[in-house]
Every structure is written in C-alpha cells, then in structure tokens.
C-alpha cells in the first residue's frame, strides 16, 4: 500500500473509532491515534513568521520591542497580535479579545510559531474556547512558560504535538550588547530549538540527586498550574514520561500540598524520570516554619519509586531558563558528576 494512503487509512480508522466510542481528542482522557503518534511542528527557516500575542497578562508594545528586534535579526518575520498593548486590569485585554487573537494565530497559515509575550494569569479562562482543528492539521510551535503551562499540558494531553517551554518577550534583555552570558545562552536556546538544532542541557552535581538513566517524552512546567489542571481535559498523563517542574512565589507548605496532589493523583508513581527546576519560595511566617526544604518535600513524595531525580536543572522563573521541547523524547542521565538532558 502507498505510504500516504496507509497513514491516511490509519488516521481515518482512528477518527472512526473515536466517534464510535463517543469521545474526541479535545475532550478525551483515553489514548487515541493522535496522542500516540509524536508530532513535531516544522522547524523554522529564514523568512518564516513568528506571531506574538498576549494570552494571559498585560504587556505594552514597547516592552516587546527587544524581542521583536532580536528575532528579526535572526531572519524571522514578526507579526504582533492585537492583544499586545490591550489591557483589562491584569489581563492583556478581555477574555474574548485574548482568545480571538490567539485563535487567529493558530489558524493563520503564514505564522509558523506563536510566542506568548508574557505569563501572568488568564489562559485557563480561555483554553476551552480555543479551536485547535487547524492547528492539529498544521502544527506550529507554541512558545512560553509559567501560565503558558496550560497550553503545553492541553496540547500534549489532547493532540500529542510538541511545544517549546522557554522564556518569553518580557525576558529579552533591553540591550543585547550588555546581556550577561546566562541571558545570551537562554535566549539563543530559543533560536536553536526553533531551528531544530541538537544541543545538550546540563545541570551540576547535587548530593540529593538520584542517579539513573531515562529515555522518554519530556513534559511538565509550572507546578501550581499542573496541579490546578488535575481532573480537567488538560490534565497531564505522566505515565512513562520524564516530568519537569518549577515554581515561584509559593510557601513551602503550598509546595508540599501540590506535591501531595501529584502523588495522590498517580502522577509520580509511573514516571520515567523527574527533573526539578528553579523554586523560589516565600519566607515562612514567624513561628509557622514548615521545617522541610523543597528538596526534602520532593524526596519524601518519591522515596518509594526508583526513577532518576535531577535537582538544580536550568528551567523556571530564573535567569537560567533554557528552552526545552515538551512532548519530544529525551535521554536524561543523572550521574555523580552532574546531569544531562538530550533531545532525540
């Protein structure tokens, strides 16, 4: 059978099975053909267009200019969405405005990647109103972190399409010539990832690391977002995956509670590996000290499992926030000399 015809018949059969079982990719919590097949959007080439929109918090037009100028210097065309510069209190415009702008970019065939201008809060208010039908047929890179974890989780769970967890426009240095080496490396990692370049991520040795090797798809993002998506159509399926987590501005007891949620919902039991990024915690109230560090909280939750655990990975709400591809198979090596993560 012709290869194209064979693939078409498999997809058609999968769609028919979905219909007969009464579930669709956008709402299912069961495996389907779309989720089982790893899909990587086309990598970008010179002249391709990157759209910038603000699906969560407000950001001004002037605030994205360093990102626009740098990405244009990389050879990309930049299209600025209507939500950038709009404001509805903390949001980048009203829900319907942010949703409409993101939908336009999902459906626009010229746009090959969508960079979220910043995080904040707001995507959970609009995710169920987005139509991913065109996006599934013509995947493109969705870029961002923090609140954008909603998109990473939803897209991975329902469509099995890779996305890019990375810094956003509000993290680009205002003066590239004065950027420090960490800023330069993390911003350039976005370009490398979008171009499909292979490179290896490293983390220093940590006495609390649990040694081992894992080869599996990489998923994850902001811990508090992952927790709040539990039980929804955007809930992550962590079985046989390498999970990475990070967070900021939380009390230690809140981190403990969120990790208990992951444990009680089974998200920690069948992992291939666990990566811990940056965690910035709020200081405990006087006489209300929690008594455990972030590392101790995490190790308590995974002590009965035997997969590798890597601490101090360069991802999260910190300067050293490297771009990593969610939904893509990686090899994680946690050794006495340090840890490495390499995409396949």
Protein backbone atom coordinates (compact mmCIF):
# COMPACT_ATOMS: atom_id res chain seq x y z
CA UNK A 1 0.00 0.00 0.00
CA UNK A 2 1.18 3.53 -0.75
CA UNK A 3 2.65 5.05 2.43
CA UNK A 4 0.50 8.18 2.28
CA UNK A 5 -2.62 6.09 1.75
CA UNK A 6 -1.64 3.82 4.64
CA UNK A 7 -1.16 6.74 7.05
CA UNK A 8 -4.42 8.27 5.85
CA UNK A 9 -6.25 5.00 6.46
CA UNK A 10 -4.83 4.72 9.97
CA UNK A 11 -5.91 8.24 10.85
CA UNK A 12 -9.34 7.69 9.32
CA UNK A 13 -9.75 4.47 11.27
CA UNK A 14 -8.68 6.23 14.45
CA UNK A 15 -11.20 9.00 13.86
CA UNK A 16 -13.95 6.47 13.25
CA UNK A 17 -13.03 4.62 16.44
CA UNK A 18 -13.12 7.91 18.35
CA UNK A 19 -16.58 8.68 17.04
CA UNK A 20 -17.89 5.21 17.83
CA UNK A 21 -16.59 5.45 21.40
CA UNK A 22 -18.18 8.86 21.85
CA UNK A 23 -15.02 10.85 22.60
CA UNK A 24 -12.87 13.35 20.73
CA UNK A 25 -9.23 14.41 21.02
CA UNK A 26 -10.12 17.76 22.57
CA UNK A 27 -12.01 16.23 25.49
CA UNK A 28 -10.76 12.65 25.83
CA UNK A 29 -8.92 11.21 28.79
CA UNK A 30 -8.22 7.98 26.88
CA UNK A 31 -5.42 7.27 24.38
CA UNK A 32 -6.08 7.83 20.69
CA UNK A 33 -4.10 7.76 17.46
CA UNK A 34 -3.32 11.49 17.63
CA UNK A 35 -1.80 11.20 21.10
CA UNK A 36 0.13 8.02 20.46
CA UNK A 37 1.95 9.49 17.46
CA UNK A 38 4.61 12.04 18.42
CA UNK A 39 4.19 15.15 16.28
CA UNK A 40 6.89 17.78 15.99
CA UNK A 41 5.92 21.04 14.25
CA UNK A 42 8.10 22.06 11.30
CA UNK A 43 11.28 23.78 12.37
CA UNK A 44 11.64 27.39 11.29
CA UNK A 45 13.74 28.69 8.42
CA UNK A 46 14.76 32.22 7.47
CA UNK A 47 11.78 34.29 6.40
CA UNK A 48 9.24 32.34 8.46
CA UNK A 49 6.81 34.31 10.61
CA UNK A 50 6.57 34.26 14.41
CA UNK A 51 3.41 35.68 15.93
CA UNK A 52 3.48 37.47 19.28
CA UNK A 53 0.33 37.60 21.35
CA UNK A 54 -0.58 38.12 24.99
CA UNK A 55 -2.96 35.32 26.07
CA UNK A 56 -2.52 35.95 29.79
CA UNK A 57 -1.17 39.10 31.46
CA UNK A 58 -0.88 42.62 30.08
CA UNK A 59 2.23 43.78 28.27
CA UNK A 60 2.86 47.03 26.41
CA UNK A 61 4.01 47.34 22.80
CA UNK A 62 7.25 48.96 23.90
CA UNK A 63 8.01 46.04 26.22
CA UNK A 64 8.21 43.53 23.39
CA UNK A 65 10.45 45.58 21.12
CA UNK A 66 13.76 43.97 22.24
CA UNK A 67 12.31 40.55 21.41
CA UNK A 68 10.92 41.76 18.07
CA UNK A 69 14.23 43.30 17.03
CA UNK A 70 16.29 40.28 18.02
CA UNK A 71 14.02 37.73 16.33
CA UNK A 72 14.01 39.85 13.18
CA UNK A 73 17.81 39.83 13.30
CA UNK A 74 17.59 36.02 13.32
CA UNK A 75 15.89 36.25 9.93
CA UNK A 76 12.29 35.79 11.06
CA UNK A 77 9.30 37.94 10.26
CA UNK A 78 7.41 39.06 13.36
CA UNK A 79 3.64 39.57 13.43
CA UNK A 80 2.32 41.39 16.51
CA UNK A 81 -1.15 40.38 17.65
CA UNK A 82 -3.97 42.70 18.59
CA UNK A 83 -3.87 41.60 22.26
CA UNK A 84 -0.43 43.13 22.78
CA UNK A 85 -0.95 46.57 24.30
CA UNK A 86 -4.56 45.95 25.26
CA UNK A 87 -5.42 45.92 28.94
CA UNK A 88 -8.28 44.74 31.09
CA UNK A 89 -6.96 45.17 34.61
CA UNK A 90 -4.23 42.49 34.93
CA UNK A 91 -5.08 40.82 31.61
CA UNK A 92 -3.89 41.52 28.07
CA UNK A 93 -7.39 42.54 27.05
CA UNK A 94 -10.74 40.96 27.81
CA UNK A 95 -11.07 37.17 27.67
CA UNK A 96 -12.76 37.28 24.28
CA UNK A 97 -10.08 39.60 22.88
CA UNK A 98 -7.18 37.44 24.04
CA UNK A 99 -8.91 34.30 22.83
CA UNK A 100 -9.72 35.78 19.42
CA UNK A 101 -6.14 36.95 18.93
CA UNK A 102 -4.71 33.56 19.82
CA UNK A 103 -7.24 31.83 17.57
CA UNK A 104 -6.22 34.00 14.63
CA UNK A 105 -2.61 32.99 15.14
CA UNK A 106 -3.50 29.31 15.47
CA UNK A 107 -5.36 29.48 12.15
CA UNK A 108 -3.04 31.79 10.19
CA UNK A 109 -1.02 29.63 7.75
CA UNK A 110 1.70 32.27 7.49
CA UNK A 111 2.55 32.05 11.20
CA UNK A 112 4.88 29.12 11.94
CA UNK A 113 5.34 29.76 15.69
CA UNK A 114 3.43 31.67 18.39
CA UNK A 115 5.39 33.32 21.16
CA UNK A 116 3.41 34.31 24.23
CA UNK A 117 4.57 37.79 25.20
CA UNK A 118 4.44 37.07 28.93
CA UNK A 119 2.83 34.88 31.55
CA UNK A 120 0.81 36.11 34.49
CA UNK A 121 -2.68 34.66 34.62
CA UNK A 122 -5.50 34.13 32.18
CA UNK A 123 -5.09 31.11 29.89
CA UNK A 124 -7.29 28.83 32.00
CA UNK A 125 -10.12 31.30 31.34
CA UNK A 126 -9.89 30.82 27.56
CA UNK A 127 -8.40 27.39 26.85
CA UNK A 128 -11.78 25.68 26.45
CA UNK A 129 -12.88 28.27 23.91
CA UNK A 130 -9.95 27.72 21.54
CA UNK A 131 -10.43 25.60 18.43
CA UNK A 132 -7.35 23.51 17.63
CA UNK A 133 -8.73 21.88 14.47
CA UNK A 134 -6.49 23.82 12.07
CA UNK A 135 -3.55 23.66 14.46
CA UNK A 136 -3.74 19.85 14.56
CA UNK A 137 -3.66 19.71 10.75
CA UNK A 138 -0.86 22.24 10.53
CA UNK A 139 1.10 22.23 13.81
CA UNK A 140 3.22 25.19 14.81
CA UNK A 141 5.45 25.90 17.80
CA UNK A 142 3.76 27.38 20.87
CA UNK A 143 6.36 29.20 22.97
CA UNK A 144 6.34 30.28 26.61
CA UNK A 145 6.31 29.15 30.24
CA UNK A 146 4.65 29.91 33.58
CA UNK A 147 0.91 30.40 32.82
CA UNK A 148 1.61 29.04 29.32
CA UNK A 149 1.94 25.64 31.04
CA UNK A 150 -1.83 25.48 30.47
CA UNK A 151 -1.18 25.34 26.73
CA UNK A 152 1.73 22.90 27.00
CA UNK A 153 -0.36 20.49 29.07
CA UNK A 154 -3.52 20.82 27.00
CA UNK A 155 -1.74 20.36 23.68
CA UNK A 156 0.33 17.43 24.90
CA UNK A 157 -2.60 15.65 26.51
CA UNK A 158 -5.06 16.04 23.65
CA UNK A 159 -3.00 16.27 20.48
CA UNK A 160 0.48 14.91 21.19
CA UNK A 161 2.11 17.90 19.50
CA UNK A 162 5.45 19.23 20.71
CA UNK A 163 5.71 22.75 22.14
CA UNK A 164 8.51 24.95 23.44
CA UNK A 165 8.86 25.78 27.14
CA UNK A 166 11.07 28.87 27.22
CA UNK A 167 11.47 32.49 28.12
CA UNK A 168 9.07 34.99 26.60
CA UNK A 169 9.26 38.55 25.27
CA UNK A 170 9.38 40.13 28.72
CA UNK A 171 12.62 38.25 29.45
CA UNK A 172 14.60 39.51 26.45
CA UNK A 173 17.34 41.95 27.54
CA UNK A 174 16.70 45.57 26.64
CA UNK A 175 20.27 45.98 25.39
CA UNK A 176 21.67 42.80 23.83
CA UNK A 177 25.21 44.19 23.93
CA UNK A 178 25.01 44.39 27.74
CA UNK A 179 23.42 40.98 28.30
CA UNK A 180 25.29 38.56 30.53
CA UNK A 181 26.34 35.08 29.34
CA UNK A 182 23.37 33.37 31.01
CA UNK A 183 20.86 35.72 29.34
CA UNK A 184 22.55 35.23 25.99
CA UNK A 185 22.62 31.44 26.27
CA UNK A 186 18.99 31.12 27.34
CA UNK A 187 17.65 33.46 24.67
CA UNK A 188 19.77 31.85 21.95
CA UNK A 189 18.46 28.45 23.04
CA UNK A 190 15.04 29.58 21.73
CA UNK A 191 16.56 30.18 18.30
CA UNK A 192 18.40 26.86 18.41
CA UNK A 193 15.25 24.96 19.37
CA UNK A 194 13.11 26.63 16.69
CA UNK A 195 15.75 25.86 14.07
CA UNK A 196 15.86 22.20 15.09
CA UNK A 197 19.45 22.26 16.30
CA UNK A 198 20.53 19.49 18.65
CA UNK A 199 22.16 20.51 21.88
CA UNK A 200 22.62 19.08 25.33
CA UNK A 201 21.41 20.62 28.57
CA UNK A 202 23.49 20.19 31.71
CA UNK A 203 22.93 20.57 35.44
CA UNK A 204 25.56 20.48 38.21
CA UNK A 205 26.02 17.54 40.52
CA UNK A 206 23.78 17.56 43.57
CA UNK A 207 24.20 15.21 46.52
CA UNK A 208 20.42 14.77 46.66
CA UNK A 209 20.15 13.62 43.05
CA UNK A 210 19.02 10.05 42.44
CA UNK A 211 21.23 8.50 39.81
CA UNK A 212 19.98 6.73 36.74
CA UNK A 213 19.04 6.92 33.07
CA UNK A 214 15.66 7.60 31.47
CA UNK A 215 14.57 7.77 27.85
CA UNK A 216 11.05 9.08 27.34
CA UNK A 217 8.98 12.07 26.19
CA UNK A 218 9.57 15.19 28.28
CA UNK A 219 6.56 17.02 29.74
CA UNK A 220 5.88 19.47 32.54
CA UNK A 221 6.07 23.11 33.51
CA UNK A 222 4.82 25.19 36.40
CA UNK A 223 3.85 23.01 39.37
CA UNK A 224 0.88 25.08 40.53
CA UNK A 225 -0.57 25.10 37.01
CA UNK A 226 -0.13 21.34 36.64
CA UNK A 227 -1.91 20.83 39.96
CA UNK A 228 -4.88 23.04 39.05
CA UNK A 229 -5.39 21.18 35.76
CA UNK A 230 -5.93 17.86 37.57
CA UNK A 231 -9.22 16.26 36.56
CA UNK A 232 -9.71 18.52 33.54
CA UNK A 233 -9.37 17.81 29.82
CA UNK A 234 -5.93 19.46 30.05
CA UNK A 235 -4.66 17.10 32.78
CA UNK A 236 -1.19 15.70 32.08
CA UNK A 237 -0.69 11.99 31.50
CA UNK A 238 2.68 11.37 33.18
CA UNK A 239 2.96 7.60 32.73
CA UNK A 240 6.34 6.65 31.27
CA UNK A 241 7.30 10.31 30.86
CA UNK A 242 10.13 12.49 32.13
CA UNK A 243 8.39 15.19 34.18
CA UNK A 244 9.94 18.58 34.94
CA UNK A 245 8.52 21.01 37.49
CA UNK A 246 9.29 24.52 38.70
CA UNK A 247 7.53 27.27 40.61
CA UNK A 248 7.85 30.69 42.18
CA UNK A 249 6.26 32.76 44.94
CA UNK A 250 4.85 29.82 46.90
CA UNK A 251 5.14 28.95 50.58
CA UNK A 252 6.80 25.65 51.42
CA UNK A 253 3.53 24.23 52.75
CA UNK A 254 1.88 25.07 49.42
CA UNK A 255 4.61 23.22 47.54
CA UNK A 256 4.13 20.28 49.87
CA UNK A 257 0.38 20.31 49.24
CA UNK A 258 0.85 20.47 45.47
CA UNK A 259 3.31 17.57 45.53
CA UNK A 260 0.83 15.54 47.59
CA UNK A 261 -1.73 16.26 44.86
CA UNK A 262 0.63 14.90 42.22
CA UNK A 263 1.32 11.84 44.32
CA UNK A 264 -2.33 11.13 45.22
CA UNK A 265 -3.44 11.51 41.59
CA UNK A 266 -0.79 9.00 40.50
CA UNK A 267 1.35 11.44 38.56
CA UNK A 268 4.53 10.48 40.42
CA UNK A 269 4.13 6.70 40.51
CA UNK A 270 4.99 5.66 36.96
CA UNK A 271 7.41 8.34 35.81
CA UNK A 272 10.48 7.54 33.76
CA UNK A 273 12.33 10.39 35.46
CA UNK A 274 11.84 13.61 37.41
CA UNK A 275 13.57 16.96 36.84
CA UNK A 276 13.43 19.75 39.40
CA UNK A 277 13.95 23.26 38.09
CA UNK A 278 14.01 26.55 39.97
CA UNK A 279 11.85 27.02 43.06
CA UNK A 280 11.60 30.48 44.61
CA UNK A 281 9.75 30.22 47.91
CA UNK A 282 8.09 32.78 50.14
CA UNK A 283 9.55 33.12 53.60
CA UNK A 284 7.55 31.29 56.25
CA UNK A 285 5.58 33.41 58.68
CA UNK A 286 7.26 33.75 62.11
CA UNK A 287 6.51 30.76 64.34
CA UNK A 288 4.94 28.97 61.33
CA UNK A 289 8.11 27.44 59.90
CA UNK A 290 7.38 24.42 57.74
CA UNK A 291 10.51 22.51 58.68
CA UNK A 292 11.40 20.96 55.30
CA UNK A 293 13.26 22.27 52.27
CA UNK A 294 11.91 21.98 48.73
CA UNK A 295 14.27 19.07 48.07
CA UNK A 296 13.15 17.28 51.23
CA UNK A 297 9.49 17.79 50.30
CA UNK A 298 10.07 16.27 46.86
CA UNK A 299 12.20 13.35 48.01
CA UNK A 300 9.59 12.44 50.59
CA UNK A 301 6.99 12.06 47.81
CA UNK A 302 9.16 9.89 45.52
CA UNK A 303 11.08 7.77 48.05
CA UNK A 304 9.21 4.60 47.13
CA UNK A 305 9.98 4.92 43.42
CA UNK A 306 13.27 4.15 41.70
CA UNK A 307 13.46 6.51 38.70
CA UNK A 308 16.25 9.12 38.40
CA UNK A 309 15.71 12.52 40.03
CA UNK A 310 17.65 15.61 38.97
CA UNK A 311 17.79 18.81 41.03
CA UNK A 312 19.03 22.28 40.03
CA UNK A 313 18.03 22.00 36.38
CA UNK A 314 18.16 25.32 34.44
CA UNK A 315 14.45 25.84 33.90
CA UNK A 316 11.89 28.03 35.65
CA UNK A 317 11.33 31.54 36.94
CA UNK A 318 15.03 32.39 36.94
CA UNK A 319 17.65 33.87 34.64
CA UNK A 320 18.90 30.42 33.70
CA UNK A 321 15.70 29.26 31.99
CA UNK A 322 16.74 27.24 28.96
CA UNK A 323 14.37 26.41 26.10
CA UNK A 324 13.23 22.78 26.14
CA UNK A 325 10.86 20.91 23.85
CA UNK A 326 7.80 19.46 25.57
CA UNK A 327 6.46 16.25 24.09
CA UNK A 328 9.77 15.28 22.47
CA UNK A 329 11.71 12.18 23.51
CA UNK A 330 14.78 12.94 25.60
CA UNK A 331 17.52 11.00 27.32
CA UNK A 332 18.10 12.03 30.94
CA UNK A 333 21.37 10.95 32.55
CA UNK A 334 21.82 11.63 36.26
CA UNK A 335 25.38 10.79 37.32
CA UNK A 336 27.74 11.61 40.15
CA UNK A 337 29.42 14.24 38.01
CA UNK A 338 26.19 16.00 37.05
CA UNK A 339 23.12 15.58 34.89
CA UNK A 340 22.49 15.87 31.18
CA UNK A 341 19.32 16.05 29.11
CA UNK A 342 19.44 15.49 25.35
CA UNK A 343 16.56 15.50 22.89
CA UNK A 344 16.24 12.70 20.34
